[in-house]
């Protein structure tokens, strides 16, 4: 079966998605089912991570759902047995929360990944493991346009733990011949996101405000540049990495072709979503301390290795996103 991204069939493959009730994981679950895979979701519904049972309400009868925590090695070890592909979308995803509660972030984003890797090493070395990273691992850019060789100087605990967990993945790949890849994402937006809180991705929070006809607040002039990517494009990159041996042991940025200022993202969101406006206020000290400035990322490597390219841009993605939330907005505002 093929779609617009030319994704291969996954028929007969058994897939485990940790964090599968969250934004990326639930969209991934829908696509894997569409491609013919047998899907198991592993998620503890930690409220700090944005999971939502409604994300799988329409596929609940087609998946196996395990309410477990990746910090529980026994549960992880049992769930990875006989799986062909393991997608790790589980994470504590809030940058501000990681600064307030560094130990919790460390346990989920580092120790939890080691649990997965060690379980695979001991009990299922034949599987393929895809780990989700983030562009914020780089910190303030040393050069534009940043690529996978860019040095990493993260400015918050979440990004630091995502950085070190990626290194664990690559160490296991090299030392134990485990088939692993890392997909680093940047400002993913779209259906099934947590749009009710600023603790999650800023552009999805903008969407939530706009859909309620509330003003979007932008710090400073909002001049810092960002790549954005619609969730369907992100999911396609993740799946393609799991089905292509050229991805083994590699790290890829899966980001959009275009970059926009935060102000442009806010203005475009208001234009497509609602009747509110954009307000510009001074930077809070806590946020200014971890701000990285421009973050312009290259997607050249993933295009060359896997033949992936993003299909949706900011405008088309926002239009599709609005169409999704118009039918179920209240499910994402609590």
C-alpha atoms as a PDB file:
ATOM      1  CA  UNK A   1       0.000   0.000   0.000  1.00  0.00           C
ATOM      2  CA  UNK A   2       1.318   3.449  -0.869  1.00  0.00           C
ATOM      3  CA  UNK A   3       0.311   6.978  -0.017  1.00  0.00           C
ATOM      4  CA  UNK A   4       1.494  10.395  -1.114  1.00  0.00           C
ATOM      5  CA  UNK A   5       4.797   9.848   0.725  1.00  0.00           C
ATOM      6  CA  UNK A   6       5.284   6.506  -1.026  1.00  0.00           C
ATOM      7  CA  UNK A   7       5.325   4.637   2.252  1.00  0.00           C
ATOM      8  CA  UNK A   8       5.815   0.877   2.025  1.00  0.00           C
ATOM      9  CA  UNK A   9       3.332  -1.627   3.345  1.00  0.00           C
ATOM     10  CA  UNK A  10       3.848  -2.647   6.975  1.00  0.00           C
ATOM     11  CA  UNK A  11       1.524  -5.634   6.699  1.00  0.00           C
ATOM     12  CA  UNK A  12       2.559  -8.414   9.057  1.00  0.00           C
ATOM     13  CA  UNK A  13       4.809  -6.163  11.152  1.00  0.00           C
ATOM     14  CA  UNK A  14       4.220  -5.942  14.885  1.00  0.00           C
ATOM     15  CA  UNK A  15       4.748  -2.395  16.101  1.00  0.00           C
ATOM     16  CA  UNK A  16       5.161  -0.990  19.624  1.00  0.00           C
ATOM     17  CA  UNK A  17       4.705   2.757  20.122  1.00  0.00           C
ATOM     18  CA  UNK A  18       5.774   4.080  23.504  1.00  0.00           C
ATOM     19  CA  UNK A  19       3.994   7.336  24.259  1.00  0.00           C
ATOM     20  CA  UNK A  20       1.403   6.273  21.720  1.00  0.00           C
ATOM     21  CA  UNK A  21      -1.406   8.294  23.305  1.00  0.00           C
ATOM     22  CA  UNK A  22       0.505  11.519  22.747  1.00  0.00           C
ATOM     23  CA  UNK A  23       0.671  13.846  19.763  1.00  0.00           C
ATOM     24  CA  UNK A  24       3.338  12.188  17.613  1.00  0.00           C
ATOM     25  CA  UNK A  25       2.671   8.662  18.854  1.00  0.00           C
ATOM     26  CA  UNK A  26      -1.066   8.654  18.171  1.00  0.00           C
ATOM     27  CA  UNK A  27      -0.662  10.018  14.653  1.00  0.00           C
ATOM     28  CA  UNK A  28       2.000   7.371  14.101  1.00  0.00           C
ATOM     29  CA  UNK A  29      -0.387   4.679  15.346  1.00  0.00           C
ATOM     30  CA  UNK A  30      -3.060   5.750  12.876  1.00  0.00           C
ATOM     31  CA  UNK A  31      -0.611   5.651   9.971  1.00  0.00           C
ATOM     32  CA  UNK A  32       0.913   2.288  10.928  1.00  0.00           C
ATOM     33  CA  UNK A  33      -2.566   0.761  11.091  1.00  0.00           C
ATOM     34  CA  UNK A  34      -3.359   2.252   7.697  1.00  0.00           C
ATOM     35  CA  UNK A  35      -0.203   0.599   6.339  1.00  0.00           C
ATOM     36  CA  UNK A  36      -1.254  -2.788   7.707  1.00  0.00           C
ATOM     37  CA  UNK A  37       0.779  -3.126  10.922  1.00  0.00           C
ATOM     38  CA  UNK A  38      -0.363  -4.664  14.198  1.00  0.00           C
ATOM     39  CA  UNK A  39      -0.070  -1.836  16.723  1.00  0.00           C
ATOM     40  CA  UNK A  40       0.522  -1.899  20.475  1.00  0.00           C
ATOM     41  CA  UNK A  41       0.511   1.400  22.369  1.00  0.00           C
ATOM     42  CA  UNK A  42       2.468   1.674  25.621  1.00  0.00           C
ATOM     43  CA  UNK A  43       1.598   4.806  27.617  1.00  0.00           C
ATOM     44  CA  UNK A  44       1.148   5.757  31.271  1.00  0.00           C
ATOM     45  CA  UNK A  45      -0.853   8.918  30.481  1.00  0.00           C
ATOM     46  CA  UNK A  46       1.448  11.133  32.502  1.00  0.00           C
ATOM     47  CA  UNK A  47      -0.374  14.513  32.494  1.00  0.00           C
ATOM     48  CA  UNK A  48       2.968  16.277  32.007  1.00  0.00           C
ATOM     49  CA  UNK A  49       3.450  14.594  28.633  1.00  0.00           C
ATOM     50  CA  UNK A  50       0.275  15.489  26.765  1.00  0.00           C
ATOM     51  CA  UNK A  51      -1.312  12.078  26.243  1.00  0.00           C
ATOM     52  CA  UNK A  52      -5.023  11.948  25.493  1.00  0.00           C
ATOM     53  CA  UNK A  53      -7.228   8.846  25.220  1.00  0.00           C
ATOM     54  CA  UNK A  54      -9.369  10.644  22.674  1.00  0.00           C
ATOM     55  CA  UNK A  55      -6.393  10.483  20.309  1.00  0.00           C
ATOM     56  CA  UNK A  56      -7.159   6.805  19.697  1.00  0.00           C
ATOM     57  CA  UNK A  57     -10.942   6.759  20.195  1.00  0.00           C
ATOM     58  CA  UNK A  58     -11.507   5.890  16.538  1.00  0.00           C
ATOM     59  CA  UNK A  59      -8.953   3.034  16.473  1.00  0.00           C
ATOM     60  CA  UNK A  60      -9.380   1.695  20.004  1.00  0.00           C
ATOM     61  CA  UNK A  61     -10.752  -1.635  18.787  1.00  0.00           C
ATOM     62  CA  UNK A  62      -7.837  -2.065  16.354  1.00  0.00           C
ATOM     63  CA  UNK A  63      -4.924  -1.647  18.776  1.00  0.00           C
ATOM     64  CA  UNK A  64      -3.586  -3.204  21.956  1.00  0.00           C
ATOM     65  CA  UNK A  65      -3.286  -0.613  24.713  1.00  0.00           C
ATOM     66  CA  UNK A  66      -0.897  -1.082  27.666  1.00  0.00           C
ATOM     67  CA  UNK A  67      -1.164   1.470  30.464  1.00  0.00           C
ATOM     68  CA  UNK A  68       2.450   1.186  31.595  1.00  0.00           C
ATOM     69  CA  UNK A  69       5.480   3.409  32.277  1.00  0.00           C
ATOM     70  CA  UNK A  70       8.828   3.159  30.455  1.00  0.00           C
ATOM     71  CA  UNK A  71      10.488   3.563  33.853  1.00  0.00           C
ATOM     72  CA  UNK A  72       9.237   0.047  34.693  1.00  0.00           C
ATOM     73  CA  UNK A  73      11.864  -2.248  33.165  1.00  0.00           C
ATOM     74  CA  UNK A  74       9.780  -5.388  33.632  1.00  0.00           C
ATOM     75  CA  UNK A  75       6.827  -3.926  31.724  1.00  0.00           C
ATOM     76  CA  UNK A  76       9.084  -2.600  28.997  1.00  0.00           C
ATOM     77  CA  UNK A  77      10.829  -5.968  28.636  1.00  0.00           C
ATOM     78  CA  UNK A  78       7.528  -7.806  28.285  1.00  0.00           C
ATOM     79  CA  UNK A  79       6.127  -5.339  25.746  1.00  0.00           C
ATOM     80  CA  UNK A  80       9.092  -5.383  23.357  1.00  0.00           C
ATOM     81  CA  UNK A  81       8.951  -9.169  22.909  1.00  0.00           C
ATOM     82  CA  UNK A  82       8.200 -10.292  19.336  1.00  0.00           C
ATOM     83  CA  UNK A  83       7.916  -6.696  18.074  1.00  0.00           C
ATOM     84  CA  UNK A  84       9.423  -5.904  14.682  1.00  0.00           C
ATOM     85  CA  UNK A  85       9.529  -2.131  15.152  1.00  0.00           C
ATOM     86  CA  UNK A  86       9.661  -0.087  18.361  1.00  0.00           C
ATOM     87  CA  UNK A  87       8.977   3.633  18.076  1.00  0.00           C
ATOM     88  CA  UNK A  88       9.953   5.625  21.161  1.00  0.00           C
ATOM     89  CA  UNK A  89       7.679   8.653  21.360  1.00  0.00           C
ATOM     90  CA  UNK A  90       7.511   8.602  25.166  1.00  0.00           C
ATOM     91  CA  UNK A  91       8.911  11.712  26.812  1.00  0.00           C
ATOM     92  CA  UNK A  92       8.351  14.401  29.364  1.00  0.00           C
ATOM     93  CA  UNK A  93       8.153  17.180  26.796  1.00  0.00           C
ATOM     94  CA  UNK A  94       7.946  20.502  28.628  1.00  0.00           C
ATOM     95  CA  UNK A  95      11.027  22.718  28.626  1.00  0.00           C
ATOM     96  CA  UNK A  96       9.857  24.876  31.585  1.00  0.00           C
ATOM     97  CA  UNK A  97       8.801  21.821  33.608  1.00  0.00           C
ATOM     98  CA  UNK A  98      12.232  20.249  33.109  1.00  0.00           C
ATOM     99  CA  UNK A  99      13.798  23.302  34.719  1.00  0.00           C
ATOM    100  CA  UNK A 100      11.426  23.079  37.687  1.00  0.00           C
ATOM    101  CA  UNK A 101      11.638  19.285  38.103  1.00  0.00           C
ATOM    102  CA  UNK A 102      14.953  18.084  36.640  1.00  0.00           C
ATOM    103  CA  UNK A 103      14.888  14.705  38.389  1.00  0.00           C
ATOM    104  CA  UNK A 104      11.561  13.741  36.829  1.00  0.00           C
ATOM    105  CA  UNK A 105      12.775  14.775  33.387  1.00  0.00           C
ATOM    106  CA  UNK A 106      15.974  12.792  33.885  1.00  0.00           C
ATOM    107  CA  UNK A 107      14.071   9.641  34.866  1.00  0.00           C
ATOM    108  CA  UNK A 108      11.707   9.747  31.888  1.00  0.00           C
ATOM    109  CA  UNK A 109      13.895  11.107  29.114  1.00  0.00           C
ATOM    110  CA  UNK A 110      17.164   9.348  29.981  1.00  0.00           C
ATOM    111  CA  UNK A 111      16.569   6.387  32.292  1.00  0.00           C
ATOM    112  CA  UNK A 112      13.422   5.399  30.393  1.00  0.00           C
ATOM    113  CA  UNK A 113      15.355   5.267  27.115  1.00  0.00           C
ATOM    114  CA  UNK A 114      18.059   3.095  28.685  1.00  0.00           C
ATOM    115  CA  UNK A 115      15.298   0.733  29.860  1.00  0.00           C
ATOM    116  CA  UNK A 116      14.077   0.373  26.294  1.00  0.00           C
ATOM    117  CA  UNK A 117      17.551  -0.112  24.861  1.00  0.00           C
ATOM    118  CA  UNK A 118      18.579  -2.625  27.494  1.00  0.00           C
ATOM    119  CA  UNK A 119      15.358  -4.599  27.052  1.00  0.00           C
ATOM    120  CA  UNK A 120      15.971  -4.732  23.302  1.00  0.00           C
ATOM    121  CA  UNK A 121      19.593  -5.785  23.825  1.00  0.00           C
ATOM    122  CA  UNK A 122      18.601  -8.618  26.135  1.00  0.00           C
ATOM    123  CA  UNK A 123      15.346  -9.843  24.652  1.00  0.00           C
ATOM    124  CA  UNK A 124      14.759  -8.638  21.067  1.00  0.00           C
ATOM    125  CA  UNK A 125      17.934  -7.646  19.205  1.00  0.00           C
ATOM    126  CA  UNK A 126      16.261  -8.350  15.869  1.00  0.00           C
ATOM    127  CA  UNK A 127      13.879  -5.429  16.237  1.00  0.00           C
ATOM    128  CA  UNK A 128      14.226  -1.951  14.754  1.00  0.00           C
ATOM    129  CA  UNK A 129      14.239   0.916  17.275  1.00  0.00           C
ATOM    130  CA  UNK A 130      13.358   4.472  16.214  1.00  0.00           C
ATOM    131  CA  UNK A 131      13.965   7.215  18.772  1.00  0.00           C
ATOM    132  CA  UNK A 132      12.452  10.700  18.562  1.00  0.00           C
ATOM    133  CA  UNK A 133      14.874  13.561  19.176  1.00  0.00           C
ATOM    134  CA  UNK A 134      14.488  17.321  18.994  1.00  0.00           C
ATOM    135  CA  UNK A 135      16.176  20.233  17.284  1.00  0.00           C
ATOM    136  CA  UNK A 136      16.456  22.005  20.663  1.00  0.00           C
ATOM    137  CA  UNK A 137      19.278  19.608  21.545  1.00  0.00           C
ATOM    138  CA  UNK A 138      21.547  21.996  19.623  1.00  0.00           C
ATOM    139  CA  UNK A 139      20.957  25.013  21.819  1.00  0.00           C
ATOM    140  CA  UNK A 140      21.965  28.364  20.350  1.00  0.00           C
ATOM    141  CA  UNK A 141      23.158  27.752  16.802  1.00  0.00           C
ATOM    142  CA  UNK A 142      26.847  28.128  16.069  1.00  0.00           C
ATOM    143  CA  UNK A 143      26.165  28.377  12.335  1.00  0.00           C
ATOM    144  CA  UNK A 144      23.273  28.577   9.867  1.00  0.00           C
ATOM    145  CA  UNK A 145      21.915  26.330   8.409  1.00  0.00           C
ATOM    146  CA  UNK A 146      22.380  23.710  11.151  1.00  0.00           C
ATOM    147  CA  UNK A 147      22.794  20.045  10.188  1.00  0.00           C
ATOM    148  CA  UNK A 148      23.372  16.760  12.013  1.00  0.00           C
ATOM    149  CA  UNK A 149      27.049  17.610  12.570  1.00  0.00           C
ATOM    150  CA  UNK A 150      26.238  20.781  14.490  1.00  0.00           C
ATOM    151  CA  UNK A 151      27.618  20.828  18.074  1.00  0.00           C
ATOM    152  CA  UNK A 152      25.119  20.496  20.902  1.00  0.00           C
ATOM    153  CA  UNK A 153      24.921  22.958  23.782  1.00  0.00           C
ATOM    154  CA  UNK A 154      21.333  22.621  25.082  1.00  0.00           C
ATOM    155  CA  UNK A 155      19.980  25.419  27.263  1.00  0.00           C
ATOM    156  CA  UNK A 156      17.365  23.517  29.292  1.00  0.00           C
ATOM    157  CA  UNK A 157      17.176  20.176  31.084  1.00  0.00           C
ATOM    158  CA  UNK A 158      14.672  18.622  28.669  1.00  0.00           C
ATOM    159  CA  UNK A 159      16.920  19.321  25.682  1.00  0.00           C
ATOM    160  CA  UNK A 160      19.980  18.101  27.570  1.00  0.00           C
ATOM    161  CA  UNK A 161      18.303  14.794  28.416  1.00  0.00           C
ATOM    162  CA  UNK A 162      17.088  14.362  24.845  1.00  0.00           C
ATOM    163  CA  UNK A 163      20.669  14.973  23.758  1.00  0.00           C
ATOM    164  CA  UNK A 164      22.148  12.353  26.061  1.00  0.00           C
ATOM    165  CA  UNK A 165      19.400   9.804  25.347  1.00  0.00           C
ATOM    166  CA  UNK A 166      20.190  10.093  21.645  1.00  0.00           C
ATOM    167  CA  UNK A 167      23.803   9.288  22.459  1.00  0.00           C
ATOM    168  CA  UNK A 168      22.658   6.196  24.374  1.00  0.00           C
ATOM    169  CA  UNK A 169      20.769   5.070  21.276  1.00  0.00           C
ATOM    170  CA  UNK A 170      23.804   5.498  19.040  1.00  0.00           C
ATOM    171  CA  UNK A 171      26.091   3.750  21.552  1.00  0.00           C
ATOM    172  CA  UNK A 172      23.783   0.721  21.646  1.00  0.00           C
ATOM    173  CA  UNK A 173      23.590   0.712  17.860  1.00  0.00           C
ATOM    174  CA  UNK A 174      27.378   0.581  17.518  1.00  0.00           C
ATOM    175  CA  UNK A 175      28.259  -1.581  20.504  1.00  0.00           C
ATOM    176  CA  UNK A 176      25.518  -4.202  20.240  1.00  0.00           C
ATOM    177  CA  UNK A 177      24.649  -4.134  16.514  1.00  0.00           C
ATOM    178  CA  UNK A 178      21.114  -3.002  17.282  1.00  0.00           C
ATOM    179  CA  UNK A 179      19.153  -1.511  14.393  1.00  0.00           C
ATOM    180  CA  UNK A 180      18.418   2.009  15.616  1.00  0.00           C
ATOM    181  CA  UNK A 181      17.808   5.459  14.152  1.00  0.00           C
ATOM    182  CA  UNK A 182      17.099   8.900  15.601  1.00  0.00           C
ATOM    183  CA  UNK A 183      14.647  11.329  14.028  1.00  0.00           C
ATOM    184  CA  UNK A 184      15.033  14.860  15.360  1.00  0.00           C
ATOM    185  CA  UNK A 185      11.883  16.939  14.969  1.00  0.00           C
ATOM    186  CA  UNK A 186      11.319  20.681  15.117  1.00  0.00           C
ATOM    187  CA  UNK A 187       8.059  22.445  16.004  1.00  0.00           C
ATOM    188  CA  UNK A 188       5.638  19.772  14.822  1.00  0.00           C
ATOM    189  CA  UNK A 189       2.014  20.905  14.584  1.00  0.00           C
ATOM    190  CA  UNK A 190      -1.295  19.406  13.620  1.00  0.00           C
ATOM    191  CA  UNK A 191      -4.148  17.171  14.799  1.00  0.00           C
ATOM    192  CA  UNK A 192      -4.077  15.379  18.182  1.00  0.00           C
ATOM    193  CA  UNK A 193      -1.630  17.824  19.775  1.00  0.00           C
ATOM    194  CA  UNK A 194      -1.869  19.242  23.295  1.00  0.00           C
ATOM    195  CA  UNK A 195      -3.191  22.698  22.446  1.00  0.00           C
ATOM    196  CA  UNK A 196      -4.363  23.673  25.938  1.00  0.00           C
ATOM    197  CA  UNK A 197      -1.045  24.507  27.611  1.00  0.00           C
ATOM    198  CA  UNK A 198       2.034  26.632  26.857  1.00  0.00           C
ATOM    199  CA  UNK A 199       4.158  23.857  28.386  1.00  0.00           C
ATOM    200  CA  UNK A 200       3.952  21.973  25.093  1.00  0.00           C
ATOM    201  CA  UNK A 201       5.025  23.028  21.598  1.00  0.00           C
ATOM    202  CA  UNK A 202       4.493  26.780  21.260  1.00  0.00           C
ATOM    203  CA  UNK A 203       2.863  26.649  17.822  1.00  0.00           C
ATOM    204  CA  UNK A 204       0.271  24.105  18.966  1.00  0.00           C
ATOM    205  CA  UNK A 205      -0.575  26.346  21.911  1.00  0.00           C
ATOM    206  CA  UNK A 206      -0.997  29.202  19.438  1.00  0.00           C
ATOM    207  CA  UNK A 207      -3.472  26.993  17.557  1.00  0.00           C
ATOM    208  CA  UNK A 208      -5.440  26.319  20.739  1.00  0.00           C
ATOM    209  CA  UNK A 209      -5.690  30.022  21.541  1.00  0.00           C
ATOM    210  CA  UNK A 210      -6.720  30.956  18.004  1.00  0.00           C
ATOM    211  CA  UNK A 211      -9.404  28.268  17.843  1.00  0.00           C
ATOM    212  CA  UNK A 212     -10.915  29.835  20.981  1.00  0.00           C
ATOM    213  CA  UNK A 213     -10.699  33.307  19.406  1.00  0.00           C
ATOM    214  CA  UNK A 214      -8.244  34.332  22.105  1.00  0.00           C
ATOM    215  CA  UNK A 215      -5.211  36.535  21.541  1.00  0.00           C
ATOM    216  CA  UNK A 216      -1.837  34.886  20.967  1.00  0.00           C
ATOM    217  CA  UNK A 217       0.945  36.271  23.146  1.00  0.00           C
ATOM    218  CA  UNK A 218       4.404  36.590  21.585  1.00  0.00           C
ATOM    219  CA  UNK A 219       7.487  37.454  23.604  1.00  0.00           C
ATOM    220  CA  UNK A 220       9.507  40.435  22.386  1.00  0.00           C
ATOM    221  CA  UNK A 221       9.124  41.087  18.672  1.00  0.00           C
ATOM    222  CA  UNK A 222       8.952  37.390  17.814  1.00  0.00           C
ATOM    223  CA  UNK A 223      11.753  37.756  15.298  1.00  0.00           C
ATOM    224  CA  UNK A 224      13.481  34.435  16.020  1.00  0.00           C
ATOM    225  CA  UNK A 225      13.238  32.042  13.081  1.00  0.00           C
ATOM    226  CA  UNK A 226      11.937  28.472  13.245  1.00  0.00           C
ATOM    227  CA  UNK A 227      11.373  25.521  10.954  1.00  0.00           C
ATOM    228  CA  UNK A 228       7.922  23.971  11.374  1.00  0.00           C
ATOM    229  CA  UNK A 229       6.599  20.641  10.163  1.00  0.00           C
ATOM    230  CA  UNK A 230       3.080  19.279   9.787  1.00  0.00           C
ATOM    231  CA  UNK A 231       2.586  16.081  11.767  1.00  0.00           C
ATOM    232  CA  UNK A 232       1.806  13.857   8.753  1.00  0.00           C
ATOM    233  CA  UNK A 233       5.204  14.747   7.285  1.00  0.00           C
ATOM    234  CA  UNK A 234       6.929  13.995  10.597  1.00  0.00           C
ATOM    235  CA  UNK A 235       5.192  10.620  10.849  1.00  0.00           C
ATOM    236  CA  UNK A 236       6.182   9.715   7.304  1.00  0.00           C
ATOM    237  CA  UNK A 237       9.839  10.445   8.082  1.00  0.00           C
ATOM    238  CA  UNK A 238       9.684   8.234  11.178  1.00  0.00           C
ATOM    239  CA  UNK A 239       8.111   5.340   9.308  1.00  0.00           C
ATOM    240  CA  UNK A 240      10.502   5.624   6.374  1.00  0.00           C
ATOM    241  CA  UNK A 241      13.456   5.376   8.767  1.00  0.00           C
ATOM    242  CA  UNK A 242      12.012   2.155  10.201  1.00  0.00           C
ATOM    243  CA  UNK A 243      11.708   0.540   6.781  1.00  0.00           C
ATOM    244  CA  UNK A 244      15.056   1.493   5.211  1.00  0.00           C
ATOM    245  CA  UNK A 245      18.399  -0.093   6.154  1.00  0.00           C
ATOM    246  CA  UNK A 246      20.205   3.115   5.148  1.00  0.00           C
ATOM    247  CA  UNK A 247      18.819   4.645   8.341  1.00  0.00           C
ATOM    248  CA  UNK A 248      20.598   2.164  10.634  1.00  0.00           C
ATOM    249  CA  UNK A 249      22.774   3.941  13.192  1.00  0.00           C
ATOM    250  CA  UNK A 250      21.972   7.369  11.747  1.00  0.00           C
ATOM    251  CA  UNK A 251      20.539  10.613  13.073  1.00  0.00           C
ATOM    252  CA  UNK A 252      18.283  12.732  10.855  1.00  0.00           C
ATOM    253  CA  UNK A 253      16.614  16.105  11.084  1.00  0.00           C
ATOM    254  CA  UNK A 254      13.050  15.853   9.752  1.00  0.00           C
ATOM    255  CA  UNK A 255      12.053  19.491   9.393  1.00  0.00           C
ATOM    256  CA  UNK A 256      10.128  21.653   6.960  1.00  0.00           C
ATOM    257  CA  UNK A 257      11.714  23.287   3.943  1.00  0.00           C
ATOM    258  CA  UNK A 258      10.711  26.794   5.001  1.00  0.00           C
ATOM    259  CA  UNK A 259      11.434  28.833   8.102  1.00  0.00           C
ATOM    260  CA  UNK A 260       9.288  31.513   9.677  1.00  0.00           C
ATOM    261  CA  UNK A 261       9.600  33.990  12.515  1.00  0.00           C
ATOM    262  CA  UNK A 262       7.549  33.268  15.619  1.00  0.00           C
ATOM    263  CA  UNK A 263       5.582  36.416  14.801  1.00  0.00           C
ATOM    264  CA  UNK A 264       4.811  35.111  11.297  1.00  0.00           C
ATOM    265  CA  UNK A 265       3.679  31.778  12.732  1.00  0.00           C
ATOM    266  CA  UNK A 266       1.383  33.585  15.165  1.00  0.00           C
ATOM    267  CA  UNK A 267      -0.074  35.873  12.493  1.00  0.00           C
ATOM    268  CA  UNK A 268      -0.650  33.002  10.051  1.00  0.00           C
ATOM    269  CA  UNK A 269      -2.292  30.947  12.801  1.00  0.00           C
ATOM    270  CA  UNK A 270      -4.719  33.763  13.585  1.00  0.00           C
ATOM    271  CA  UNK A 271      -5.443  34.237   9.870  1.00  0.00           C
ATOM    272  CA  UNK A 272      -6.321  30.567   9.348  1.00  0.00           C
ATOM    273  CA  UNK A 273      -7.884  29.709  12.705  1.00  0.00           C
ATOM    274  CA  UNK A 274      -9.905  32.421  14.402  1.00  0.00           C
ATOM    275  CA  UNK A 275     -10.752  36.054  15.081  1.00  0.00           C
ATOM    276  CA  UNK A 276      -8.335  36.835  17.895  1.00  0.00           C
ATOM    277  CA  UNK A 277      -5.159  38.848  17.509  1.00  0.00           C
ATOM    278  CA  UNK A 278      -1.457  38.786  18.349  1.00  0.00           C
ATOM    279  CA  UNK A 279      -0.093  40.646  21.394  1.00  0.00           C
ATOM    280  CA  UNK A 280       3.599  41.366  21.860  1.00  0.00           C
ATOM    281  CA  UNK A 281       4.889  41.500  25.441  1.00  0.00           C
ATOM    282  CA  UNK A 282       8.250  41.580  27.208  1.00  0.00           C
ATOM    283  CA  UNK A 283      10.159  38.336  27.715  1.00  0.00           C
ATOM    284  CA  UNK A 284       9.647  36.638  31.097  1.00  0.00           C
ATOM    285  CA  UNK A 285      13.056  36.147  32.681  1.00  0.00           C
ATOM    286  CA  UNK A 286      12.599  32.379  33.014  1.00  0.00           C
ATOM    287  CA  UNK A 287      11.889  31.979  29.292  1.00  0.00           C
ATOM    288  CA  UNK A 288      14.523  34.440  28.120  1.00  0.00           C
ATOM    289  CA  UNK A 289      17.159  32.412  29.983  1.00  0.00           C
ATOM    290  CA  UNK A 290      16.533  29.316  27.850  1.00  0.00           C
ATOM    291  CA  UNK A 291      15.727  31.016  24.538  1.00  0.00           C
ATOM    292  CA  UNK A 292      18.072  29.968  21.722  1.00  0.00           C
ATOM    293  CA  UNK A 293      17.410  32.607  19.064  1.00  0.00           C
ATOM    294  CA  UNK A 294      17.146  31.565  15.414  1.00  0.00           C
ATOM    295  CA  UNK A 295      16.909  27.817  14.766  1.00  0.00           C
ATOM    296  CA  UNK A 296      17.171  27.172  11.036  1.00  0.00           C
ATOM    297  CA  UNK A 297      17.717  23.486  10.320  1.00  0.00           C
ATOM    298  CA  UNK A 298      18.684  21.547   7.199  1.00  0.00           C
ATOM    299  CA  UNK A 299      16.730  18.491   6.021  1.00  0.00           C
ATOM    300  CA  UNK A 300      19.250  17.645   3.302  1.00  0.00           C
ATOM    301  CA  UNK A 301      20.507  14.405   4.869  1.00  0.00           C
ATOM    302  CA  UNK A 302      17.128  12.705   5.274  1.00  0.00           C
ATOM    303  CA  UNK A 303      16.211  13.659   1.726  1.00  0.00           C
ATOM    304  CA  UNK A 304      19.406  12.087   0.417  1.00  0.00           C
ATOM    305  CA  UNK A 305      19.334   8.935   2.544  1.00  0.00           C
ATOM    306  CA  UNK A 306      15.618   8.121   2.618  1.00  0.00           C
ATOM    307  CA  UNK A 307      14.048  10.084  -0.231  1.00  0.00           C
ATOM    308  CA  UNK A 308      11.747  11.871   2.213  1.00  0.00           C
ATOM    309  CA  UNK A 309      10.469  15.366   1.616  1.00  0.00           C
ATOM    310  CA  UNK A 310       7.789  17.394   3.420  1.00  0.00           C
ATOM    311  CA  UNK A 311       4.535  17.830   1.532  1.00  0.00           C
ATOM    312  CA  UNK A 312       2.542  20.300   3.617  1.00  0.00           C
ATOM    313  CA  UNK A 313       3.634  23.858   4.334  1.00  0.00           C
ATOM    314  CA  UNK A 314       2.526  26.093   7.206  1.00  0.00           C
ATOM    315  CA  UNK A 315      -0.637  27.321   5.489  1.00  0.00           C
ATOM    316  CA  UNK A 316      -1.888  23.970   4.220  1.00  0.00           C
ATOM    317  CA  UNK A 317      -1.058  22.314   7.526  1.00  0.00           C
ATOM    318  CA  UNK A 318      -3.006  24.921   9.487  1.00  0.00           C
ATOM    319  CA  UNK A 319      -6.024  24.483   7.219  1.00  0.00           C
ATOM    320  CA  UNK A 320      -6.015  20.708   7.803  1.00  0.00           C
ATOM    321  CA  UNK A 321      -5.474  21.223  11.524  1.00  0.00           C
ATOM    322  CA  UNK A 322      -8.458  23.549  11.821  1.00  0.00           C
ATOM    323  CA  UNK A 323     -10.667  21.046  10.020  1.00  0.00           C
ATOM    324  CA  UNK A 324      -9.693  18.365  12.562  1.00  0.00           C
ATOM    325  CA  UNK A 325     -10.246  20.408  15.728  1.00  0.00           C
ATOM    326  CA  UNK A 326     -13.523  21.959  14.588  1.00  0.00           C
ATOM    327  CA  UNK A 327     -15.160  18.574  15.145  1.00  0.00           C
ATOM    328  CA  UNK A 328     -13.699  17.803  18.583  1.00  0.00           C
ATOM    329  CA  UNK A 329     -12.163  20.944  20.082  1.00  0.00           C
ATOM    330  CA  UNK A 330     -13.470  20.405  23.632  1.00  0.00           C
ATOM    331  CA  UNK A 331     -11.607  17.087  23.833  1.00  0.00           C
ATOM    332  CA  UNK A 332      -8.331  19.025  23.635  1.00  0.00           C
ATOM    333  CA  UNK A 333      -9.038  21.917  25.981  1.00  0.00           C
ATOM    334  CA  UNK A 334      -8.848  19.974  29.239  1.00  0.00           C
END
